[in-house]
């Protein structure tokens, strides 16, 4: 199945919203998305300032749908979301 990068940048001063929505976000990813890797992007102080995921999806439209239905996106956490096709060249997923 094709791979896609989902790169999301949080709105400024949104850490409280991220923390409030985190459990629903994690549950959604565990149930509804085939995730290869995922985690928060960090600012210079080590605080979350966005998300980076590599997911499997049937096509770009399905990957965009998965990103749009993430509880973080639904809560309005993100200032920017980018979904791009990806091909693994070096390394392996666990």
PDB file of N, CA and C in Angstrom:
ATOM      1  N   UNK A   1       0.851  -1.176   0.000  1.00  0.00           N
ATOM      2  CA  UNK A   1       0.000   0.000   0.000  1.00  0.00           C
ATOM      3  C   UNK A   1       0.903   1.247   0.000  1.00  0.00           C
ATOM      4  N   UNK A   2       0.520   2.294  -0.717  1.00  0.00           N
ATOM      5  CA  UNK A   2       1.348   3.502  -0.787  1.00  0.00           C
ATOM      6  C   UNK A   2       1.516   4.190   0.572  1.00  0.00           C
ATOM      7  N   UNK A   3       2.651   4.870   0.705  1.00  0.00           N
ATOM      8  CA  UNK A   3       2.965   5.620   1.922  1.00  0.00           C
ATOM      9  C   UNK A   3       2.785   7.114   1.688  1.00  0.00           C
ATOM     10  N   UNK A   4       2.439   7.832   2.781  1.00  0.00           N
ATOM     11  CA  UNK A   4       2.255   9.274   2.723  1.00  0.00           C
ATOM     12  C   UNK A   4       2.807   9.915   3.987  1.00  0.00           C
ATOM     13  N   UNK A   5       3.435  11.071   3.813  1.00  0.00           N
ATOM     14  CA  UNK A   5       3.841  11.891   4.948  1.00  0.00           C
ATOM     15  C   UNK A   5       2.701  12.845   5.253  1.00  0.00           C
ATOM     16  N   UNK A   6       2.368  12.966   6.532  1.00  0.00           N
ATOM     17  CA  UNK A   6       1.411  13.964   6.999  1.00  0.00           C
ATOM     18  C   UNK A   6       2.177  14.860   7.963  1.00  0.00           C
ATOM     19  N   UNK A   7       2.392  16.106   7.538  1.00  0.00           N
ATOM     20  CA  UNK A   7       3.141  17.075   8.338  1.00  0.00           C
ATOM     21  C   UNK A   7       2.193  18.193   8.748  1.00  0.00           C
ATOM     22  N   UNK A   8       2.064  18.388  10.056  1.00  0.00           N
ATOM     23  CA  UNK A   8       1.114  19.352  10.603  1.00  0.00           C
ATOM     24  C   UNK A   8       1.849  20.317  11.532  1.00  0.00           C
ATOM     25  N   UNK A   9       1.547  21.606  11.396  1.00  0.00           N
ATOM     26  CA  UNK A   9       2.136  22.631  12.246  1.00  0.00           C
ATOM     27  C   UNK A   9       1.026  23.219  13.107  1.00  0.00           C
ATOM     28  N   UNK A  10       1.245  23.212  14.424  1.00  0.00           N
ATOM     29  CA  UNK A  10       0.240  23.738  15.356  1.00  0.00           C
ATOM     30  C   UNK A  10       0.096  25.247  15.230  1.00  0.00           C
ATOM     31  N   UNK A  11      -1.097  25.730  15.552  1.00  0.00           N
ATOM     32  CA  UNK A  11      -1.307  27.166  15.683  1.00  0.00           C
ATOM     33  C   UNK A  11      -0.513  27.657  16.886  1.00  0.00           C
ATOM     34  N   UNK A  12      -0.105  28.923  16.904  1.00  0.00           N
ATOM     35  CA  UNK A  12       0.618  29.455  18.070  1.00  0.00           C
ATOM     36  C   UNK A  12      -0.204  29.320  19.351  1.00  0.00           C
ATOM     37  N   UNK A  13       0.497  29.091  20.448  1.00  0.00           N
ATOM     38  CA  UNK A  13      -0.123  29.041  21.782  1.00  0.00           C
ATOM     39  C   UNK A  13      -1.262  28.015  21.864  1.00  0.00           C
ATOM     40  N   UNK A  14      -1.046  26.839  21.296  1.00  0.00           N
ATOM     41  CA  UNK A  14      -2.110  25.831  21.265  1.00  0.00           C
ATOM     42  C   UNK A  14      -1.766  24.565  22.047  1.00  0.00           C
ATOM     43  N   UNK A  15      -0.766  24.626  22.907  1.00  0.00           N
ATOM     44  CA  UNK A  15      -0.368  23.430  23.657  1.00  0.00           C
ATOM     45  C   UNK A  15      -1.524  22.879  24.494  1.00  0.00           C
ATOM     46  N   UNK A  16      -2.313  23.744  25.122  1.00  0.00           N
ATOM     47  CA  UNK A  16      -3.445  23.269  25.930  1.00  0.00           C
ATOM     48  C   UNK A  16      -4.437  22.483  25.077  1.00  0.00           C
ATOM     49  N   UNK A  17      -4.742  22.975  23.882  1.00  0.00           N
ATOM     50  CA  UNK A  17      -5.660  22.266  22.988  1.00  0.00           C
ATOM     51  C   UNK A  17      -5.064  20.925  22.573  1.00  0.00           C
ATOM     52  N   UNK A  18      -3.780  20.886  22.285  1.00  0.00           N
ATOM     53  CA  UNK A  18      -3.102  19.631  21.932  1.00  0.00           C
ATOM     54  C   UNK A  18      -3.242  18.618  23.067  1.00  0.00           C
ATOM     55  N   UNK A  19      -2.970  19.046  24.283  1.00  0.00           N
ATOM     56  CA  UNK A  19      -3.046  18.134  25.430  1.00  0.00           C
ATOM     57  C   UNK A  19      -4.473  17.681  25.695  1.00  0.00           C
ATOM     58  N   UNK A  20      -5.427  18.569  25.526  1.00  0.00           N
ATOM     59  CA  UNK A  20      -6.841  18.253  25.750  1.00  0.00           C
ATOM     60  C   UNK A  20      -7.351  17.222  24.742  1.00  0.00           C
ATOM     61  N   UNK A  21      -6.810  17.244  23.538  1.00  0.00           N
ATOM     62  CA  UNK A  21      -7.289  16.407  22.440  1.00  0.00           C
ATOM     63  C   UNK A  21      -6.431  15.152  22.234  1.00  0.00           C
ATOM     64  N   UNK A  22      -5.333  15.033  22.921  1.00  0.00           N
ATOM     65  CA  UNK A  22      -4.336  13.990  22.673  1.00  0.00           C
ATOM     66  C   UNK A  22      -4.902  12.569  22.728  1.00  0.00           C
ATOM     67  N   UNK A  23      -5.685  12.239  23.738  1.00  0.00           N
ATOM     68  CA  UNK A  23      -6.189  10.865  23.870  1.00  0.00           C
ATOM     69  C   UNK A  23      -7.083  10.478  22.702  1.00  0.00           C
ATOM     70  N   UNK A  24      -7.940  11.396  22.256  1.00  0.00           N
ATOM     71  CA  UNK A  24      -8.801  11.112  21.092  1.00  0.00           C
ATOM     72  C   UNK A  24      -7.961  10.959  19.821  1.00  0.00           C
ATOM     73  N   UNK A  25      -6.925  11.794  19.695  1.00  0.00           N
ATOM     74  CA  UNK A  25      -6.001  11.705  18.558  1.00  0.00           C
ATOM     75  C   UNK A  25      -5.331  10.335  18.526  1.00  0.00           C
ATOM     76  N   UNK A  26      -4.784   9.892  19.641  1.00  0.00           N
ATOM     77  CA  UNK A  26      -4.101   8.598  19.700  1.00  0.00           C
ATOM     78  C   UNK A  26      -5.061   7.444  19.429  1.00  0.00           C
ATOM     79  N   UNK A  27      -6.273   7.515  19.970  1.00  0.00           N
ATOM     80  CA  UNK A  27      -7.269   6.467  19.739  1.00  0.00           C
ATOM     81  C   UNK A  27      -7.652   6.394  18.261  1.00  0.00           C
ATOM     82  N   UNK A  28      -7.817   7.544  17.637  1.00  0.00           N
ATOM     83  CA  UNK A  28      -8.143   7.594  16.209  1.00  0.00           C
ATOM     84  C   UNK A  28      -7.031   6.948  15.378  1.00  0.00           C
ATOM     85  N   UNK A  29      -5.796   7.318  15.646  1.00  0.00           N
ATOM     86  CA  UNK A  29      -4.686   6.750  14.883  1.00  0.00           C
ATOM     87  C   UNK A  29      -4.598   5.239  15.077  1.00  0.00           C
ATOM     88  N   UNK A  30      -4.817   4.771  16.305  1.00  0.00           N
ATOM     89  CA  UNK A  30      -4.726   3.337  16.587  1.00  0.00           C
ATOM     90  C   UNK A  30      -5.839   2.543  15.900  1.00  0.00           C
ATOM     91  N   UNK A  31      -6.999   3.157  15.743  1.00  0.00           N
ATOM     92  CA  UNK A  31      -8.156   2.433  15.212  1.00  0.00           C
ATOM     93  C   UNK A  31      -8.361   2.628  13.716  1.00  0.00           C
ATOM     94  N   UNK A  32      -8.168   3.844  13.218  1.00  0.00           N
ATOM     95  CA  UNK A  32      -8.638   4.187  11.884  1.00  0.00           C
ATOM     96  C   UNK A  32      -7.555   4.470  10.843  1.00  0.00           C
ATOM     97  N   UNK A  33      -6.291   4.467  11.233  1.00  0.00           N
ATOM     98  CA  UNK A  33      -5.219   4.826  10.303  1.00  0.00           C
ATOM     99  C   UNK A  33      -4.101   3.787  10.416  1.00  0.00           C
ATOM    100  N   UNK A  34      -3.510   3.410   9.279  1.00  0.00           N
ATOM    101  CA  UNK A  34      -2.361   2.507   9.300  1.00  0.00           C
ATOM    102  C   UNK A  34      -1.121   3.389   9.421  1.00  0.00           C
ATOM    103  N   UNK A  35      -0.585   3.465  10.632  1.00  0.00           N
ATOM    104  CA  UNK A  35       0.532   4.349  10.945  1.00  0.00           C
ATOM    105  C   UNK A  35       1.828   3.543  10.942  1.00  0.00           C
ATOM    106  N   UNK A  36       2.808   4.034  10.182  1.00  0.00           N
ATOM    107  CA  UNK A  36       4.134   3.430  10.198  1.00  0.00           C
ATOM    108  C   UNK A  36       4.996   4.066  11.282  1.00  0.00           C
ATOM    109  N   UNK A  37       5.008   5.381  11.353  1.00  0.00           N
ATOM    110  CA  UNK A  37       5.646   6.117  12.443  1.00  0.00           C
ATOM    111  C   UNK A  37       4.851   7.392  12.677  1.00  0.00           C
ATOM    112  N   UNK A  38       4.921   7.894  13.889  1.00  0.00           N
ATOM    113  CA  UNK A  38       4.228   9.150  14.209  1.00  0.00           C
ATOM    114  C   UNK A  38       4.812   9.724  15.480  1.00  0.00           C
ATOM    115  N   UNK A  39       4.749  11.030  15.577  1.00  0.00           N
ATOM    116  CA  UNK A  39       5.187  11.691  16.792  1.00  0.00           C
ATOM    117  C   UNK A  39       5.139  13.196  16.627  1.00  0.00           C
ATOM    118  N   UNK A  40       5.301  13.895  17.741  1.00  0.00           N
ATOM    119  CA  UNK A  40       5.264  15.353  17.684  1.00  0.00           C
ATOM    120  C   UNK A  40       6.578  15.926  17.163  1.00  0.00           C
ATOM    121  N   UNK A  41       6.476  17.007  16.409  1.00  0.00           N
ATOM    122  CA  UNK A  41       7.652  17.812  16.083  1.00  0.00           C
ATOM    123  C   UNK A  41       7.839  18.753  17.270  1.00  0.00           C
ATOM    124  N   UNK A  42       9.092  19.046  17.615  1.00  0.00           N
ATOM    125  CA  UNK A  42       9.387  19.827  18.812  1.00  0.00           C
ATOM    126  C   UNK A  42      10.017  21.164  18.455  1.00  0.00           C
ATOM    127  N   UNK A  43       9.740  22.167  19.292  1.00  0.00           N
ATOM    128  CA  UNK A  43      10.403  23.461  19.120  1.00  0.00           C
ATOM    129  C   UNK A  43      11.764  23.427  19.817  1.00  0.00           C
ATOM    130  N   UNK A  44      12.445  24.561  19.854  1.00  0.00           N
ATOM    131  CA  UNK A  44      13.785  24.630  20.427  1.00  0.00           C
ATOM    132  C   UNK A  44      13.810  24.319  21.926  1.00  0.00           C
ATOM    133  N   UNK A  45      12.667  24.445  22.593  1.00  0.00           N
ATOM    134  CA  UNK A  45      12.585  24.154  24.025  1.00  0.00           C
ATOM    135  C   UNK A  45      12.107  22.731  24.307  1.00  0.00           C
ATOM    136  N   UNK A  46      11.890  21.973  23.248  1.00  0.00           N
ATOM    137  CA  UNK A  46      11.438  20.601  23.422  1.00  0.00           C
ATOM    138  C   UNK A  46       9.936  20.456  23.582  1.00  0.00           C
ATOM    139  N   UNK A  47       9.183  21.510  23.293  1.00  0.00           N
ATOM    140  CA  UNK A  47       7.722  21.468  23.410  1.00  0.00           C
ATOM    141  C   UNK A  47       7.108  21.093  22.055  1.00  0.00           C
ATOM    142  N   UNK A  48       6.004  20.342  22.064  1.00  0.00           N
ATOM    143  CA  UNK A  48       5.345  19.998  20.807  1.00  0.00           C
ATOM    144  C   UNK A  48       4.909  21.256  20.050  1.00  0.00           C
ATOM    145  N   UNK A  49       5.164  21.240  18.726  1.00  0.00           N
ATOM    146  CA  UNK A  49       4.736  22.355  17.890  1.00  0.00           C
ATOM    147  C   UNK A  49       4.138  21.870  16.567  1.00  0.00           C
ATOM    148  N   UNK A  50       3.875  20.577  16.509  1.00  0.00           N
ATOM    149  CA  UNK A  50       3.286  19.996  15.315  1.00  0.00           C
ATOM    150  C   UNK A  50       3.374  18.482  15.367  1.00  0.00           C
ATOM    151  N   UNK A  51       2.976  17.855  14.288  1.00  0.00           N
ATOM    152  CA  UNK A  51       2.981  16.393  14.196  1.00  0.00           C
ATOM    153  C   UNK A  51       3.582  15.957  12.874  1.00  0.00           C
ATOM    154  N   UNK A  52       4.256  14.805  12.885  1.00  0.00           N
ATOM    155  CA  UNK A  52       4.768  14.193  11.677  1.00  0.00           C
ATOM    156  C   UNK A  52       4.384  12.723  11.704  1.00  0.00           C
ATOM    157  N   UNK A  53       3.716  12.282  10.649  1.00  0.00           N
ATOM    158  CA  UNK A  53       3.301  10.892  10.541  1.00  0.00           C
ATOM    159  C   UNK A  53       3.688  10.356   9.176  1.00  0.00           C
ATOM    160  N   UNK A  54       3.989   9.086   9.123  1.00  0.00           N
ATOM    161  CA  UNK A  54       4.049   8.366   7.859  1.00  0.00           C
ATOM    162  C   UNK A  54       2.984   7.299   7.959  1.00  0.00           C
ATOM    163  N   UNK A  55       2.031   7.363   7.016  1.00  0.00           N
ATOM    164  CA  UNK A  55       0.884   6.459   7.045  1.00  0.00           C
ATOM    165  C   UNK A  55       0.768   5.702   5.733  1.00  0.00           C
ATOM    166  N   UNK A  56       0.041   4.592   5.782  1.00  0.00           N
ATOM    167  CA  UNK A  56      -0.345   3.868   4.573  1.00  0.00           C
ATOM    168  C   UNK A  56      -1.774   4.278   4.238  1.00  0.00           C
ATOM    169  N   UNK A  57      -2.033   4.478   2.953  1.00  0.00           N
ATOM    170  CA  UNK A  57      -3.389   4.771   2.495  1.00  0.00           C
ATOM    171  C   UNK A  57      -3.510   4.316   1.047  1.00  0.00           C
ATOM    172  N   UNK A  58      -4.723   4.098   0.601  1.00  0.00           N
ATOM    173  CA  UNK A  58      -4.961   3.609  -0.755  1.00  0.00           C
ATOM    174  C   UNK A  58      -4.476   4.592  -1.813  1.00  0.00           C
ATOM    175  N   UNK A  59      -4.638   5.888  -1.518  1.00  0.00           N
ATOM    176  CA  UNK A  59      -4.234   6.922  -2.463  1.00  0.00           C
ATOM    177  C   UNK A  59      -4.162   8.256  -1.720  1.00  0.00           C
ATOM    178  N   UNK A  60      -3.787   9.311  -2.446  1.00  0.00           N
ATOM    179  CA  UNK A  60      -3.636  10.625  -1.826  1.00  0.00           C
ATOM    180  C   UNK A  60      -4.941  11.103  -1.212  1.00  0.00           C
ATOM    181  N   UNK A  61      -6.051  10.881  -1.879  1.00  0.00           N
ATOM    182  CA  UNK A  61      -7.348  11.316  -1.339  1.00  0.00           C
ATOM    183  C   UNK A  61      -7.641  10.631  -0.008  1.00  0.00           C
ATOM    184  N   UNK A  62      -7.340   9.362   0.109  1.00  0.00           N
ATOM    185  CA  UNK A  62      -7.571   8.635   1.361  1.00  0.00           C
ATOM    186  C   UNK A  62      -6.645   9.148   2.463  1.00  0.00           C
ATOM    187  N   UNK A  63      -5.403   9.464   2.114  1.00  0.00           N
ATOM    188  CA  UNK A  63      -4.470  10.016   3.105  1.00  0.00           C
ATOM    189  C   UNK A  63      -4.937  11.395   3.567  1.00  0.00           C
ATOM    190  N   UNK A  64      -5.403  12.223   2.644  1.00  0.00           N
ATOM    191  CA  UNK A  64      -5.926  13.544   3.007  1.00  0.00           C
ATOM    192  C   UNK A  64      -7.166  13.418   3.880  1.00  0.00           C
ATOM    193  N   UNK A  65      -8.012  12.445   3.576  1.00  0.00           N
ATOM    194  CA  UNK A  65      -9.209  12.189   4.392  1.00  0.00           C
ATOM    195  C   UNK A  65      -8.812  11.786   5.812  1.00  0.00           C
ATOM    196  N   UNK A  66      -7.824  10.909   5.931  1.00  0.00           N
ATOM    197  CA  UNK A  66      -7.357  10.488   7.257  1.00  0.00           C
ATOM    198  C   UNK A  66      -6.824  11.680   8.037  1.00  0.00           C
ATOM    199  N   UNK A  67      -6.063  12.546   7.384  1.00  0.00           N
ATOM    200  CA  UNK A  67      -5.519  13.728   8.060  1.00  0.00           C
ATOM    201  C   UNK A  67      -6.630  14.679   8.494  1.00  0.00           C
ATOM    202  N   UNK A  68      -7.612  14.888   7.642  1.00  0.00           N
ATOM    203  CA  UNK A  68      -8.702  15.817   7.948  1.00  0.00           C
ATOM    204  C   UNK A  68      -9.599  15.324   9.072  1.00  0.00           C
ATOM    205  N   UNK A  69      -9.671  14.003   9.257  1.00  0.00           N
ATOM    206  CA  UNK A  69     -10.541  13.446  10.292  1.00  0.00           C
ATOM    207  C   UNK A  69      -9.834  13.196  11.617  1.00  0.00           C
ATOM    208  N   UNK A  70      -8.560  13.494  11.684  1.00  0.00           N
ATOM    209  CA  UNK A  70      -7.811  13.394  12.943  1.00  0.00           C
ATOM    210  C   UNK A  70      -8.447  14.356  13.952  1.00  0.00           C
ATOM    211  N   UNK A  71      -8.688  13.911  15.182  1.00  0.00           N
ATOM    212  CA  UNK A  71      -9.260  14.807  16.187  1.00  0.00           C
ATOM    213  C   UNK A  71      -8.470  16.101  16.394  1.00  0.00           C
ATOM    214  N   UNK A  72      -7.154  16.062  16.222  1.00  0.00           N
ATOM    215  CA  UNK A  72      -6.386  17.304  16.296  1.00  0.00           C
ATOM    216  C   UNK A  72      -6.861  18.286  15.218  1.00  0.00           C
ATOM    217  N   UNK A  73      -7.013  17.802  13.986  1.00  0.00           N
ATOM    218  CA  UNK A  73      -7.474  18.661  12.899  1.00  0.00           C
ATOM    219  C   UNK A  73      -8.907  19.117  13.152  1.00  0.00           C
ATOM    220  N   UNK A  74      -9.748  18.210  13.600  1.00  0.00           N
ATOM    221  CA  UNK A  74     -11.146  18.546  13.876  1.00  0.00           C
ATOM    222  C   UNK A  74     -11.270  19.606  14.971  1.00  0.00           C
ATOM    223  N   UNK A  75     -10.340  19.609  15.922  1.00  0.00           N
ATOM    224  CA  UNK A  75     -10.363  20.578  17.023  1.00  0.00           C
ATOM    225  C   UNK A  75      -9.785  21.935  16.619  1.00  0.00           C
ATOM    226  N   UNK A  76      -9.219  22.013  15.417  1.00  0.00           N
ATOM    227  CA  UNK A  76      -8.643  23.274  14.962  1.00  0.00           C
ATOM    228  C   UNK A  76      -7.237  23.531  15.468  1.00  0.00           C
ATOM    229  N   UNK A  77      -6.504  22.478  15.810  1.00  0.00           N
ATOM    230  CA  UNK A  77      -5.157  22.626  16.355  1.00  0.00           C
ATOM    231  C   UNK A  77      -4.156  23.149  15.324  1.00  0.00           C
ATOM    232  N   UNK A  78      -4.322  22.765  14.066  1.00  0.00           N
ATOM    233  CA  UNK A  78      -3.276  23.005  13.079  1.00  0.00           C
ATOM    234  C   UNK A  78      -3.438  24.303  12.298  1.00  0.00           C
ATOM    235  N   UNK A  79      -2.321  24.990  12.116  1.00  0.00           N
ATOM    236  CA  UNK A  79      -2.263  26.150  11.231  1.00  0.00           C
ATOM    237  C   UNK A  79      -1.974  25.705   9.808  1.00  0.00           C
ATOM    238  N   UNK A  80      -1.330  24.546   9.673  1.00  0.00           N
ATOM    239  CA  UNK A  80      -0.899  24.065   8.358  1.00  0.00           C
ATOM    240  C   UNK A  80      -0.870  22.549   8.362  1.00  0.00           C
ATOM    241  N   UNK A  81      -1.371  21.943   7.300  1.00  0.00           N
ATOM    242  CA  UNK A  81      -1.315  20.491   7.112  1.00  0.00           C
ATOM    243  C   UNK A  81      -0.843  20.228   5.687  1.00  0.00           C
ATOM    244  N   UNK A  82       0.146  19.362   5.565  1.00  0.00           N
ATOM    245  CA  UNK A  82       0.678  18.979   4.262  1.00  0.00           C
ATOM    246  C   UNK A  82       0.669  17.455   4.168  1.00  0.00           C
ATOM    247  N   UNK A  83       0.104  16.927   3.100  1.00  0.00           N
ATOM    248  CA  UNK A  83       0.074  15.486   2.856  1.00  0.00           C
ATOM    249  C   UNK A  83       0.773  15.243   1.524  1.00  0.00           C
ATOM    250  N   UNK A  84       1.801  14.397   1.550  1.00  0.00           N
ATOM    251  CA  UNK A  84       2.613  14.134   0.357  1.00  0.00           C
ATOM    252  C   UNK A  84       2.899  12.641   0.215  1.00  0.00           C
ATOM    253  N   UNK A  85       2.928  12.142  -1.016  1.00  0.00           N
ATOM    254  CA  UNK A  85       3.370  10.766  -1.231  1.00  0.00           C
ATOM    255  C   UNK A  85       4.824  10.605  -0.753  1.00  0.00           C
ATOM    256  N   UNK A  86       5.143   9.387  -0.308  1.00  0.00           N
ATOM    257  CA  UNK A  86       6.468   9.111   0.248  1.00  0.00           C
ATOM    258  C   UNK A  86       6.907   7.723  -0.204  1.00  0.00           C
ATOM    259  N   UNK A  87       8.212   7.585  -0.422  1.00  0.00           N
ATOM    260  CA  UNK A  87       8.791   6.286  -0.739  1.00  0.00           C
ATOM    261  C   UNK A  87       9.980   6.050   0.173  1.00  0.00           C
ATOM    262  N   UNK A  88       9.979   4.982   0.912  1.00  0.00           N
ATOM    263  CA  UNK A  88      11.089   4.617   1.785  1.00  0.00           C
ATOM    264  C   UNK A  88      12.259   4.139   0.932  1.00  0.00           C
ATOM    265  N   UNK A  89      13.431   4.738   1.127  1.00  0.00           N
ATOM    266  CA  UNK A  89      14.615   4.367   0.356  1.00  0.00           C
ATOM    267  C   UNK A  89      15.674   3.686   1.216  1.00  0.00           C
ATOM    268  N   UNK A  90      15.809   4.131   2.460  1.00  0.00           N
ATOM    269  CA  UNK A  90      16.831   3.583   3.356  1.00  0.00           C
ATOM    270  C   UNK A  90      16.180   3.333   4.708  1.00  0.00           C
ATOM    271  N   UNK A  91      16.541   2.244   5.348  1.00  0.00           N
ATOM    272  CA  UNK A  91      15.986   1.920   6.655  1.00  0.00           C
ATOM    273  C   UNK A  91      14.761   1.019   6.505  1.00  0.00           C
ATOM    274  N   UNK A  92      14.108   0.788   7.627  1.00  0.00           N
ATOM    275  CA  UNK A  92      12.931  -0.066   7.647  1.00  0.00           C
ATOM    276  C   UNK A  92      12.030   0.340   8.794  1.00  0.00           C
ATOM    277  N   UNK A  93      10.757   0.075   8.636  1.00  0.00           N
ATOM    278  CA  UNK A  93       9.800   0.324   9.715  1.00  0.00           C
ATOM    279  C   UNK A  93       9.768  -0.911  10.605  1.00  0.00           C
ATOM    280  N   UNK A  94       9.624  -0.681  11.909  1.00  0.00           N
ATOM    281  CA  UNK A  94       9.560  -1.811  12.838  1.00  0.00           C
ATOM    282  C   UNK A  94       8.268  -2.564  12.669  1.00  0.00           C
TER     283      UNK A  94
END
